[in-house]
Amino acid sequence: MKNMTEGDFQKLLQIALQSLSIQRTLLENQATELNDELRTLERDDELEQIDRQLLLVRADYEHYLSLVDPEHPFNLNAYYEYN
């Protein structure tokens, strides 16, 4: 297995950030659609699951962003609270 160059690592981080952005958008859209429906216990459970997924995606996004941008503040303890 070859060692990854810094450039390849940065490209991989950019791909991960784009993927997380897409996941976040899809989850937010799904939550919006559910909010437009009538209130039910099933919907509330589904919204809780989506909220949990969003928290995890946002935590991962912040983590990867801190690797790309050293100036970006990142709280490692908060990251592990969500994961």
Protein backbone atom coordinates (compact mmCIF):
# COMPACT_ATOMS: atom_id res chain seq x y z
CA MET A 1 0.00 0.00 0.00
CA LYS A 2 1.35 3.40 -0.95
CA ASN A 3 1.60 6.26 1.51
CA MET A 4 -0.85 9.06 0.82
CA THR A 5 0.63 12.39 -0.21
CA GLU A 6 -0.50 15.60 1.48
CA GLY A 7 -2.20 16.67 -1.75
CA ASP A 8 -4.13 13.41 -1.97
CA PHE A 9 -5.13 13.73 1.69
CA GLN A 10 -6.43 17.25 1.08
CA LYS A 11 -8.42 16.04 -1.94
CA LEU A 12 -9.87 13.24 0.18
CA LEU A 13 -10.86 15.75 2.86
CA GLN A 14 -12.59 17.93 0.26
CA ILE A 15 -14.53 14.92 -1.02
CA ALA A 16 -15.54 14.03 2.54
CA LEU A 17 -16.69 17.61 3.17
CA GLN A 18 -18.75 17.64 -0.03
CA SER A 19 -20.31 14.30 0.85
CA LEU A 20 -21.20 15.48 4.34
CA SER A 21 -22.70 18.68 2.93
CA ILE A 22 -24.90 16.64 0.60
CA GLN A 23 -25.94 14.31 3.43
CA ARG A 24 -26.81 17.29 5.62
CA THR A 25 -28.90 18.88 2.87
CA LEU A 26 -30.79 15.65 2.22
CA LEU A 27 -31.51 15.19 5.93
CA GLU A 28 -32.64 18.80 6.31
CA ASN A 29 -34.95 18.40 3.30
CA GLN A 30 -36.35 15.20 4.76
CA ALA A 31 -36.99 16.93 8.10
CA THR A 32 -38.75 19.82 6.32
CA GLU A 33 -41.00 17.40 4.44
CA LEU A 34 -41.89 15.62 7.68
CA ASN A 35 -42.67 18.93 9.39
CA ASP A 36 -45.17 19.68 6.63
CA GLU A 37 -47.09 16.49 7.41
CA LEU A 38 -49.63 16.08 10.19
CA ARG A 39 -48.18 15.49 13.63
CA THR A 40 -47.95 11.81 14.56
CA LEU A 41 -45.84 9.75 16.94
CA GLU A 42 -44.18 8.00 13.99
CA ARG A 43 -43.25 11.33 12.47
CA ASP A 44 -41.88 12.55 15.79
CA ASP A 45 -39.73 9.42 16.06
CA GLU A 46 -38.52 9.89 12.50
CA LEU A 47 -37.68 13.53 13.19
CA GLU A 48 -35.67 12.51 16.25
CA GLN A 49 -33.71 10.04 14.14
CA ILE A 50 -33.07 12.69 11.50
CA ASP A 51 -31.98 15.19 14.16
CA ARG A 52 -29.53 12.62 15.55
CA GLN A 53 -28.14 11.94 12.07
CA LEU A 54 -27.80 15.67 11.45
CA LEU A 55 -25.83 16.09 14.68
CA LEU A 56 -23.45 13.33 13.63
CA VAL A 57 -23.02 14.72 10.11
CA ARG A 58 -22.40 18.23 11.46
CA ALA A 59 -19.86 16.91 13.97
CA ASP A 60 -18.01 15.01 11.22
CA TYR A 61 -18.15 18.06 8.94
CA GLU A 62 -16.65 20.29 11.64
CA HIS A 63 -13.94 17.70 12.31
CA TYR A 64 -12.94 17.42 8.63
CA LEU A 65 -13.14 21.18 8.18
CA SER A 66 -10.69 21.64 11.05
CA LEU A 67 -8.25 19.35 9.21
CA VAL A 68 -8.57 21.44 6.04
CA ASP A 69 -8.58 24.83 7.79
CA PRO A 70 -6.36 24.94 10.89
CA GLU A 71 -7.92 28.31 11.79
CA HIS A 72 -11.34 26.68 12.13
CA PRO A 73 -12.16 26.10 15.80
CA PHE A 74 -12.82 22.48 16.69
CA ASN A 75 -13.82 21.07 20.06
CA LEU A 76 -12.70 17.45 20.28
CA ASN A 77 -14.71 16.83 23.46
CA ALA A 78 -17.91 18.06 21.80
CA TYR A 79 -17.19 15.80 18.83
CA TYR A 80 -17.07 12.71 21.04
CA GLU A 81 -20.24 13.74 22.87
CA TYR A 82 -22.17 13.22 19.62
CA ASN A 83 -20.33 10.09 18.48
